[in-house]
Structure formats: structure tokens, C-alpha cells
Amino acid sequence: MLEREIERHLVHLAKQHGGLAIKWTAPSFSGVPDRIVFLPRGEVFFVELKAPTKNQTALQVRVCKMLTDLGARVYVVDSKQAVEALFHAL
């Protein structure tokens, strides 16, 4: 399964839950997670998407840690099932 398929599933589920999964690019700050998810009731979190069996780069790990240290929620998902589990847990 390709990363973009998992990403499409994330966007679809965010919409189903009344929210948005916005692509995040930061030209002057490399390693940011792929999407910022906004859901009703003020829920906001970041999602790093990976193809199955792929790992985060060292830079992505550092940036995700920086965000979590600041109190942000950051999730790494590598399958459609992981995306579904994420939304089920909310």
C-alpha cells in the first residue's frame, strides 16, 4: 500500500468526522508532519504518514518530539487500519 492511499483515507475520515486534514508544508522548517487535523470541539493534532514498513527519518523524529514537548499531539500512521484506530480512539 502506498503512503498516498493512507493519506487519502485520513483526509476522507477527517471529513466524515466534520473536520479537515490540511497538508502541512513549511519551506523554512524541514521534517514537519504531513497533515494537521482539525476536528469539531477544538481537537487539533498532527499526523505523519508512512508507507507500511517505512520508518520516520531522524529529522522527522526530532521534529515530532519537539512538537510533543510543546504539548501537541503527533501520531504516526502506516496503514488505513491505523488511521481508523486513531479516529476510533478520539
PDB file of N, CA and C in Angstrom:
ATOM      1  N   MET A   1       0.835  -1.175   0.000  1.00  0.00           N
ATOM      2  CA  MET A   1       0.000   0.000   0.000  1.00  0.00           C
ATOM      3  C   MET A   1       0.890   1.252   0.000  1.00  0.00           C
ATOM      4  N   LEU A   2       0.495   2.234  -0.760  1.00  0.00           N
ATOM      5  CA  LEU A   2       1.270   3.460  -0.887  1.00  0.00           C
ATOM      6  C   LEU A   2       0.869   4.474   0.173  1.00  0.00           C
ATOM      7  N   GLU A   3       1.817   5.329   0.530  1.00  0.00           N
ATOM      8  CA  GLU A   3       1.562   6.371   1.522  1.00  0.00           C
ATOM      9  C   GLU A   3       0.394   7.263   1.092  1.00  0.00           C
ATOM     10  N   ARG A   4       0.311   7.574  -0.174  1.00  0.00           N
ATOM     11  CA  ARG A   4      -0.760   8.484  -0.622  1.00  0.00           C
ATOM     12  C   ARG A   4      -2.144   7.871  -0.448  1.00  0.00           C
ATOM     13  N   GLU A   5      -2.258   6.553  -0.493  1.00  0.00           N
ATOM     14  CA  GLU A   5      -3.541   5.896  -0.251  1.00  0.00           C
ATOM     15  C   GLU A   5      -3.955   6.057   1.212  1.00  0.00           C
ATOM     16  N   ILE A   6      -2.993   5.926   2.088  1.00  0.00           N
ATOM     17  CA  ILE A   6      -3.252   6.102   3.515  1.00  0.00           C
ATOM     18  C   ILE A   6      -3.617   7.563   3.787  1.00  0.00           C
ATOM     19  N   GLU A   7      -2.929   8.470   3.125  1.00  0.00           N
ATOM     20  CA  GLU A   7      -3.196   9.897   3.288  1.00  0.00           C
ATOM     21  C   GLU A   7      -4.617  10.242   2.818  1.00  0.00           C
ATOM     22  N   ARG A   8      -5.031   9.702   1.693  1.00  0.00           N
ATOM     23  CA  ARG A   8      -6.402   9.927   1.197  1.00  0.00           C
ATOM     24  C   ARG A   8      -7.438   9.419   2.196  1.00  0.00           C
ATOM     25  N   HIS A   9      -7.133   8.286   2.810  1.00  0.00           N
ATOM     26  CA  HIS A   9      -8.047   7.718   3.812  1.00  0.00           C
ATOM     27  C   HIS A   9      -8.138   8.651   5.023  1.00  0.00           C
ATOM     28  N   LEU A  10      -7.025   9.195   5.440  1.00  0.00           N
ATOM     29  CA  LEU A  10      -7.013  10.150   6.558  1.00  0.00           C
ATOM     30  C   LEU A  10      -7.885  11.364   6.228  1.00  0.00           C
ATOM     31  N   VAL A  11      -7.704  11.925   5.049  1.00  0.00           N
ATOM     32  CA  VAL A  11      -8.486  13.097   4.627  1.00  0.00           C
ATOM     33  C   VAL A  11      -9.976  12.744   4.600  1.00  0.00           C
ATOM     34  N   HIS A  12     -10.297  11.577   4.067  1.00  0.00           N
ATOM     35  CA  HIS A  12     -11.687  11.129   3.989  1.00  0.00           C
ATOM     36  C   HIS A  12     -12.310  10.995   5.384  1.00  0.00           C
ATOM     37  N   LEU A  13     -11.612  10.350   6.305  1.00  0.00           N
ATOM     38  CA  LEU A  13     -12.159  10.161   7.651  1.00  0.00           C
ATOM     39  C   LEU A  13     -12.276  11.479   8.402  1.00  0.00           C
ATOM     40  N   ALA A  14     -11.322  12.377   8.202  1.00  0.00           N
ATOM     41  CA  ALA A  14     -11.423  13.693   8.842  1.00  0.00           C
ATOM     42  C   ALA A  14     -12.695  14.400   8.383  1.00  0.00           C
ATOM     43  N   LYS A  15     -12.983  14.341   7.086  1.00  0.00           N
ATOM     44  CA  LYS A  15     -14.212  14.950   6.547  1.00  0.00           C
ATOM     45  C   LYS A  15     -15.454  14.281   7.121  1.00  0.00           C
ATOM     46  N   GLN A  16     -15.424  12.953   7.218  1.00  0.00           N
ATOM     47  CA  GLN A  16     -16.568  12.218   7.781  1.00  0.00           C
ATOM     48  C   GLN A  16     -16.839  12.635   9.227  1.00  0.00           C
ATOM     49  N   HIS A  17     -15.789  13.007   9.938  1.00  0.00           N
ATOM     50  CA  HIS A  17     -15.924  13.434  11.334  1.00  0.00           C
ATOM     51  C   HIS A  17     -16.166  14.938  11.446  1.00  0.00           C
ATOM     52  N   GLY A  18     -16.445  15.596  10.320  1.00  0.00           N
ATOM     53  CA  GLY A  18     -16.761  17.021  10.344  1.00  0.00           C
ATOM     54  C   GLY A  18     -15.555  17.931  10.406  1.00  0.00           C
ATOM     55  N   GLY A  19     -14.388  17.403  10.024  1.00  0.00           N
ATOM     56  CA  GLY A  19     -13.165  18.186  10.138  1.00  0.00           C
ATOM     57  C   GLY A  19     -12.395  18.307   8.840  1.00  0.00           C
ATOM     58  N   LEU A  20     -11.156  18.710   9.004  1.00  0.00           N
ATOM     59  CA  LEU A  20     -10.232  18.908   7.891  1.00  0.00           C
ATOM     60  C   LEU A  20      -8.903  18.249   8.227  1.00  0.00           C
ATOM     61  N   ALA A  21      -8.229  17.739   7.206  1.00  0.00           N
ATOM     62  CA  ALA A  21      -6.856  17.233   7.335  1.00  0.00           C
ATOM     63  C   ALA A  21      -6.036  18.008   6.314  1.00  0.00           C
ATOM     64  N   ILE A  22      -5.419  19.064   6.767  1.00  0.00           N
ATOM     65  CA  ILE A  22      -4.738  20.001   5.879  1.00  0.00           C
ATOM     66  C   ILE A  22      -3.282  19.601   5.700  1.00  0.00           C
ATOM     67  N   LYS A  23      -2.834  19.611   4.445  1.00  0.00           N
ATOM     68  CA  LYS A  23      -1.430  19.323   4.130  1.00  0.00           C
ATOM     69  C   LYS A  23      -0.575  20.407   4.746  1.00  0.00           C
ATOM     70  N   TRP A  24       0.489  20.008   5.444  1.00  0.00           N
ATOM     71  CA  TRP A  24       1.364  20.972   6.083  1.00  0.00           C
ATOM     72  C   TRP A  24       2.721  20.937   5.393  1.00  0.00           C
ATOM     73  N   THR A  25       3.093  22.058   4.826  1.00  0.00           N
ATOM     74  CA  THR A  25       4.440  22.217   4.295  1.00  0.00           C
ATOM     75  C   THR A  25       5.019  23.464   4.935  1.00  0.00           C
ATOM     76  N   ALA A  26       6.246  23.384   5.327  1.00  0.00           N
ATOM     77  CA  ALA A  26       6.927  24.505   5.961  1.00  0.00           C
ATOM     78  C   ALA A  26       8.279  24.666   5.266  1.00  0.00           C
ATOM     79  N   PRO A  27       8.331  25.489   4.229  1.00  0.00           N
ATOM     80  CA  PRO A  27       9.556  25.603   3.433  1.00  0.00           C
ATOM     81  C   PRO A  27      10.817  25.916   4.237  1.00  0.00           C
ATOM     82  N   SER A  28      10.665  26.652   5.312  1.00  0.00           N
ATOM     83  CA  SER A  28      11.859  27.018   6.083  1.00  0.00           C
ATOM     84  C   SER A  28      12.067  26.119   7.302  1.00  0.00           C
ATOM     85  N   PHE A  29      11.274  25.027   7.397  1.00  0.00           N
ATOM     86  CA  PHE A  29      11.389  24.143   8.556  1.00  0.00           C
ATOM     87  C   PHE A  29      11.125  22.714   8.095  1.00  0.00           C
ATOM     88  N   SER A  30      12.167  21.981   7.832  1.00  0.00           N
ATOM     89  CA  SER A  30      12.046  20.608   7.316  1.00  0.00           C
ATOM     90  C   SER A  30      11.649  19.627   8.406  1.00  0.00           C
ATOM     91  N   GLY A  31      11.011  18.541   7.984  1.00  0.00           N
ATOM     92  CA  GLY A  31      10.714  17.442   8.897  1.00  0.00           C
ATOM     93  C   GLY A  31       9.374  17.516   9.588  1.00  0.00           C
ATOM     94  N   VAL A  32       8.522  18.488   9.216  1.00  0.00           N
ATOM     95  CA  VAL A  32       7.223  18.610   9.882  1.00  0.00           C
ATOM     96  C   VAL A  32       6.304  17.457   9.460  1.00  0.00           C
ATOM     97  N   PRO A  33       5.346  17.094  10.312  1.00  0.00           N
ATOM     98  CA  PRO A  33       4.397  16.038   9.935  1.00  0.00           C
ATOM     99  C   PRO A  33       3.616  16.418   8.675  1.00  0.00           C
ATOM    100  N   ASP A  34       3.059  15.406   8.012  1.00  0.00           N
ATOM    101  CA  ASP A  34       2.395  15.605   6.727  1.00  0.00           C
ATOM    102  C   ASP A  34       1.094  16.393   6.803  1.00  0.00           C
ATOM    103  N   ARG A  35       0.302  16.173   7.841  1.00  0.00           N
ATOM    104  CA  ARG A  35      -1.031  16.766   7.928  1.00  0.00           C
ATOM    105  C   ARG A  35      -1.293  17.339   9.316  1.00  0.00           C
ATOM    106  N   ILE A  36      -2.078  18.415   9.345  1.00  0.00           N
ATOM    107  CA  ILE A  36      -2.648  18.946  10.580  1.00  0.00           C
ATOM    108  C   ILE A  36      -4.140  18.649  10.492  1.00  0.00           C
ATOM    109  N   VAL A  37      -4.660  17.986  11.505  1.00  0.00           N
ATOM    110  CA  VAL A  37      -6.070  17.610  11.505  1.00  0.00           C
ATOM    111  C   VAL A  37      -6.822  18.501  12.494  1.00  0.00           C
ATOM    112  N   PHE A  38      -7.902  19.102  11.994  1.00  0.00           N
ATOM    113  CA  PHE A  38      -8.790  19.939  12.796  1.00  0.00           C
ATOM    114  C   PHE A  38     -10.145  19.250  12.839  1.00  0.00           C
ATOM    115  N   LEU A  39     -10.627  18.978  14.058  1.00  0.00           N
ATOM    116  CA  LEU A  39     -11.926  18.339  14.232  1.00  0.00           C
ATOM    117  C   LEU A  39     -12.814  19.219  15.108  1.00  0.00           C
ATOM    118  N   PRO A  40     -14.135  18.958  15.065  1.00  0.00           N
ATOM    119  CA  PRO A  40     -15.025  19.715  15.944  1.00  0.00           C
ATOM    120  C   PRO A  40     -14.592  19.598  17.409  1.00  0.00           C
ATOM    121  N   ARG A  41     -15.056  20.527  18.191  1.00  0.00           N
ATOM    122  CA  ARG A  41     -14.748  20.612  19.627  1.00  0.00           C
ATOM    123  C   ARG A  41     -13.305  21.040  19.868  1.00  0.00           C
ATOM    124  N   GLY A  42     -12.677  21.629  18.860  1.00  0.00           N
ATOM    125  CA  GLY A  42     -11.335  22.173  19.037  1.00  0.00           C
ATOM    126  C   GLY A  42     -10.215  21.159  19.068  1.00  0.00           C
ATOM    127  N   GLU A  43     -10.482  19.959  18.595  1.00  0.00           N
ATOM    128  CA  GLU A  43      -9.420  18.951  18.564  1.00  0.00           C
ATOM    129  C   GLU A  43      -8.489  19.219  17.387  1.00  0.00           C
ATOM    130  N   VAL A  44      -7.202  19.313  17.698  1.00  0.00           N
ATOM    131  CA  VAL A  44      -6.182  19.554  16.681  1.00  0.00           C
ATOM    132  C   VAL A  44      -5.013  18.620  16.967  1.00  0.00           C
ATOM    133  N   PHE A  45      -4.526  17.961  15.913  1.00  0.00           N
ATOM    134  CA  PHE A  45      -3.357  17.110  16.080  1.00  0.00           C
ATOM    135  C   PHE A  45      -2.628  16.980  14.747  1.00  0.00           C
ATOM    136  N   PHE A  46      -1.425  16.495  14.806  1.00  0.00           N
ATOM    137  CA  PHE A  46      -0.570  16.324  13.640  1.00  0.00           C
ATOM    138  C   PHE A  46      -0.473  14.838  13.299  1.00  0.00           C
ATOM    139  N   VAL A  47      -0.343  14.557  12.007  1.00  0.00           N
ATOM    140  CA  VAL A  47      -0.200  13.166  11.565  1.00  0.00           C
ATOM    141  C   VAL A  47       0.957  13.067  10.579  1.00  0.00           C
ATOM    142  N   GLU A  48       1.878  12.182  10.895  1.00  0.00           N
ATOM    143  CA  GLU A  48       2.955  11.806   9.976  1.00  0.00           C
ATOM    144  C   GLU A  48       2.540  10.493   9.342  1.00  0.00           C
ATOM    145  N   LEU A  49       2.491  10.463   8.034  1.00  0.00           N
ATOM    146  CA  LEU A  49       2.069   9.274   7.297  1.00  0.00           C
ATOM    147  C   LEU A  49       3.287   8.549   6.741  1.00  0.00           C
ATOM    148  N   LYS A  50       3.244   7.237   6.829  1.00  0.00           N
ATOM    149  CA  LYS A  50       4.322   6.395   6.308  1.00  0.00           C
ATOM    150  C   LYS A  50       3.720   5.208   5.574  1.00  0.00           C
ATOM    151  N   ALA A  51       4.384   4.785   4.549  1.00  0.00           N
ATOM    152  CA  ALA A  51       4.012   3.531   3.903  1.00  0.00           C
ATOM    153  C   ALA A  51       4.363   2.394   4.866  1.00  0.00           C
ATOM    154  N   PRO A  52       3.635   1.288   4.792  1.00  0.00           N
ATOM    155  CA  PRO A  52       3.976   0.152   5.660  1.00  0.00           C
ATOM    156  C   PRO A  52       5.450  -0.214   5.507  1.00  0.00           C
ATOM    157  N   THR A  53       6.059  -0.538   6.600  1.00  0.00           N
ATOM    158  CA  THR A  53       7.471  -0.924   6.733  1.00  0.00           C
ATOM    159  C   THR A  53       8.443   0.242   6.602  1.00  0.00           C
ATOM    160  N   LYS A  54       7.952   1.445   6.347  1.00  0.00           N
ATOM    161  CA  LYS A  54       8.853   2.605   6.275  1.00  0.00           C
ATOM    162  C   LYS A  54       8.915   3.269   7.646  1.00  0.00           C
ATOM    163  N   ASN A  55      10.064   3.833   7.970  1.00  0.00           N
ATOM    164  CA  ASN A  55      10.265   4.495   9.253  1.00  0.00           C
ATOM    165  C   ASN A  55      10.453   5.991   9.062  1.00  0.00           C
ATOM    166  N   GLN A  56      10.229   6.728  10.138  1.00  0.00           N
ATOM    167  CA  GLN A  56      10.500   8.156  10.111  1.00  0.00           C
ATOM    168  C   GLN A  56      12.000   8.384   9.971  1.00  0.00           C
ATOM    169  N   THR A  57      12.348   9.503   9.340  1.00  0.00           N
ATOM    170  CA  THR A  57      13.754   9.887   9.294  1.00  0.00           C
ATOM    171  C   THR A  57      14.141  10.428  10.665  1.00  0.00           C
ATOM    172  N   ALA A  58      15.423  10.531  10.917  1.00  0.00           N
ATOM    173  CA  ALA A  58      15.895  11.083  12.191  1.00  0.00           C
ATOM    174  C   ALA A  58      15.369  12.506  12.376  1.00  0.00           C
ATOM    175  N   LEU A  59      15.339  13.286  11.304  1.00  0.00           N
ATOM    176  CA  LEU A  59      14.830  14.652  11.382  1.00  0.00           C
ATOM    177  C   LEU A  59      13.344  14.657  11.740  1.00  0.00           C
ATOM    178  N   GLN A  60      12.563  13.786  11.145  1.00  0.00           N
ATOM    179  CA  GLN A  60      11.135  13.717  11.457  1.00  0.00           C
ATOM    180  C   GLN A  60      10.914  13.327  12.918  1.00  0.00           C
ATOM    181  N   VAL A  61      11.712  12.412  13.417  1.00  0.00           N
ATOM    182  CA  VAL A  61      11.605  12.009  14.831  1.00  0.00           C
ATOM    183  C   VAL A  61      11.890  13.207  15.730  1.00  0.00           C
ATOM    184  N   ARG A  62      12.930  13.963  15.418  1.00  0.00           N
ATOM    185  CA  ARG A  62      13.280  15.140  16.232  1.00  0.00           C
ATOM    186  C   ARG A  62      12.170  16.187  16.207  1.00  0.00           C
ATOM    187  N   VAL A  63      11.632  16.453  15.037  1.00  0.00           N
ATOM    188  CA  VAL A  63      10.574  17.467  14.925  1.00  0.00           C
ATOM    189  C   VAL A  63       9.316  17.001  15.657  1.00  0.00           C
ATOM    190  N   CYS A  64       8.946  15.746  15.516  1.00  0.00           N
ATOM    191  CA  CYS A  64       7.781  15.228  16.237  1.00  0.00           C
ATOM    192  C   CYS A  64       7.984  15.322  17.744  1.00  0.00           C
ATOM    193  N   LYS A  65       9.178  15.060  18.207  1.00  0.00           N
ATOM    194  CA  LYS A  65       9.477  15.180  19.636  1.00  0.00           C
ATOM    195  C   LYS A  65       9.385  16.635  20.080  1.00  0.00           C
ATOM    196  N   MET A  66       9.887  17.547  19.261  1.00  0.00           N
ATOM    197  CA  MET A  66       9.777  18.973  19.601  1.00  0.00           C
ATOM    198  C   MET A  66       8.312  19.371  19.753  1.00  0.00           C
ATOM    199  N   LEU A  67       7.475  18.907  18.842  1.00  0.00           N
ATOM    200  CA  LEU A  67       6.053  19.255  18.897  1.00  0.00           C
ATOM    201  C   LEU A  67       5.377  18.645  20.123  1.00  0.00           C
ATOM    202  N   THR A  68       5.678  17.387  20.420  1.00  0.00           N
ATOM    203  CA  THR A  68       5.068  16.764  21.596  1.00  0.00           C
ATOM    204  C   THR A  68       5.584  17.404  22.883  1.00  0.00           C
ATOM    205  N   ASP A  69       6.837  17.811  22.903  1.00  0.00           N
ATOM    206  CA  ASP A  69       7.377  18.509  24.076  1.00  0.00           C
ATOM    207  C   ASP A  69       6.670  19.845  24.314  1.00  0.00           C
ATOM    208  N   LEU A  70       6.121  20.418  23.245  1.00  0.00           N
ATOM    209  CA  LEU A  70       5.369  21.668  23.349  1.00  0.00           C
ATOM    210  C   LEU A  70       3.896  21.414  23.671  1.00  0.00           C
ATOM    211  N   GLY A  71       3.525  20.152  23.827  1.00  0.00           N
ATOM    212  CA  GLY A  71       2.163  19.807  24.209  1.00  0.00           C
ATOM    213  C   GLY A  71       1.259  19.400  23.063  1.00  0.00           C
ATOM    214  N   ALA A  72       1.783  19.328  21.857  1.00  0.00           N
ATOM    215  CA  ALA A  72       0.984  18.928  20.698  1.00  0.00           C
ATOM    216  C   ALA A  72       0.851  17.405  20.658  1.00  0.00           C
ATOM    217  N   ARG A  73      -0.228  16.960  20.052  1.00  0.00           N
ATOM    218  CA  ARG A  73      -0.406  15.528  19.815  1.00  0.00           C
ATOM    219  C   ARG A  73       0.069  15.231  18.406  1.00  0.00           C
ATOM    220  N   VAL A  74       0.949  14.238  18.297  1.00  0.00           N
ATOM    221  CA  VAL A  74       1.501  13.837  17.000  1.00  0.00           C
ATOM    222  C   VAL A  74       1.347  12.323  16.889  1.00  0.00           C
ATOM    223  N   TYR A  75       0.763  11.885  15.774  1.00  0.00           N
ATOM    224  CA  TYR A  75       0.561  10.463  15.538  1.00  0.00           C
ATOM    225  C   TYR A  75       1.287  10.066  14.256  1.00  0.00           C
ATOM    226  N   VAL A  76       1.856   8.878  14.262  1.00  0.00           N
ATOM    227  CA  VAL A  76       2.489   8.317  13.079  1.00  0.00           C
ATOM    228  C   VAL A  76       1.645   7.107  12.675  1.00  0.00           C
ATOM    229  N   VAL A  77       1.153   7.129  11.440  1.00  0.00           N
ATOM    230  CA  VAL A  77       0.307   6.028  10.967  1.00  0.00           C
ATOM    231  C   VAL A  77       0.890   5.450   9.687  1.00  0.00           C
ATOM    232  N   ASP A  78       0.774   4.130   9.568  1.00  0.00           N
ATOM    233  CA  ASP A  78       1.355   3.457   8.403  1.00  0.00           C
ATOM    234  C   ASP A  78       0.395   2.492   7.723  1.00  0.00           C
ATOM    235  N   SER A  79      -0.913   2.667   8.005  1.00  0.00           N
ATOM    236  CA  SER A  79      -1.914   1.815   7.355  1.00  0.00           C
ATOM    237  C   SER A  79      -3.282   2.476   7.479  1.00  0.00           C
ATOM    238  N   LYS A  80      -4.209   2.024   6.640  1.00  0.00           N
ATOM    239  CA  LYS A  80      -5.585   2.514   6.752  1.00  0.00           C
ATOM    240  C   LYS A  80      -6.179   2.103   8.093  1.00  0.00           C
ATOM    241  N   GLN A  81      -5.824   0.924   8.561  1.00  0.00           N
ATOM    242  CA  GLN A  81      -6.321   0.447   9.849  1.00  0.00           C
ATOM    243  C   GLN A  81      -5.828   1.338  10.986  1.00  0.00           C
ATOM    244  N   ALA A  82      -4.598   1.808  10.897  1.00  0.00           N
ATOM    245  CA  ALA A  82      -4.063   2.703  11.924  1.00  0.00           C
ATOM    246  C   ALA A  82      -4.800   4.043  11.906  1.00  0.00           C
ATOM    247  N   VAL A  83      -5.166   4.516  10.732  1.00  0.00           N
ATOM    248  CA  VAL A  83      -5.948   5.759  10.618  1.00  0.00           C
ATOM    249  C   VAL A  83      -7.318   5.541  11.271  1.00  0.00           C
ATOM    250  N   GLU A  84      -7.950   4.420  10.975  1.00  0.00           N
ATOM    251  CA  GLU A  84      -9.263   4.122  11.560  1.00  0.00           C
ATOM    252  C   GLU A  84      -9.169   4.008  13.081  1.00  0.00           C
ATOM    253  N   ALA A  85      -8.133   3.375  13.575  1.00  0.00           N
ATOM    254  CA  ALA A  85      -7.943   3.248  15.025  1.00  0.00           C
ATOM    255  C   ALA A  85      -7.742   4.611  15.675  1.00  0.00           C
ATOM    256  N   LEU A  86      -7.026   5.480  14.996  1.00  0.00           N
ATOM    257  CA  LEU A  86      -6.803   6.837  15.514  1.00  0.00           C
ATOM    258  C   LEU A  86      -8.143   7.556  15.696  1.00  0.00           C
ATOM    259  N   PHE A  87      -8.995   7.527  14.678  1.00  0.00           N
ATOM    260  CA  PHE A  87     -10.284   8.213  14.779  1.00  0.00           C
ATOM    261  C   PHE A  87     -11.220   7.517  15.759  1.00  0.00           C
ATOM    262  N   HIS A  88     -11.108   6.211  15.880  1.00  0.00           N
ATOM    263  CA  HIS A  88     -11.940   5.477  16.842  1.00  0.00           C
ATOM    264  C   HIS A  88     -11.564   5.853  18.271  1.00  0.00           C
ATOM    265  N   ALA A  89     -10.294   6.123  18.514  1.00  0.00           N
ATOM    266  CA  ALA A  89      -9.809   6.446  19.862  1.00  0.00           C
ATOM    267  C   ALA A  89     -10.145   7.875  20.290  1.00  0.00           C
ATOM    268  N   LEU A  90     -10.550   8.719  19.354  1.00  0.00           N
ATOM    269  CA  LEU A  90     -10.829  10.114  19.702  1.00  0.00           C
ATOM    270  C   LEU A  90     -12.151  10.268  20.407  1.00  0.00           C
TER     271      LEU A  90
END
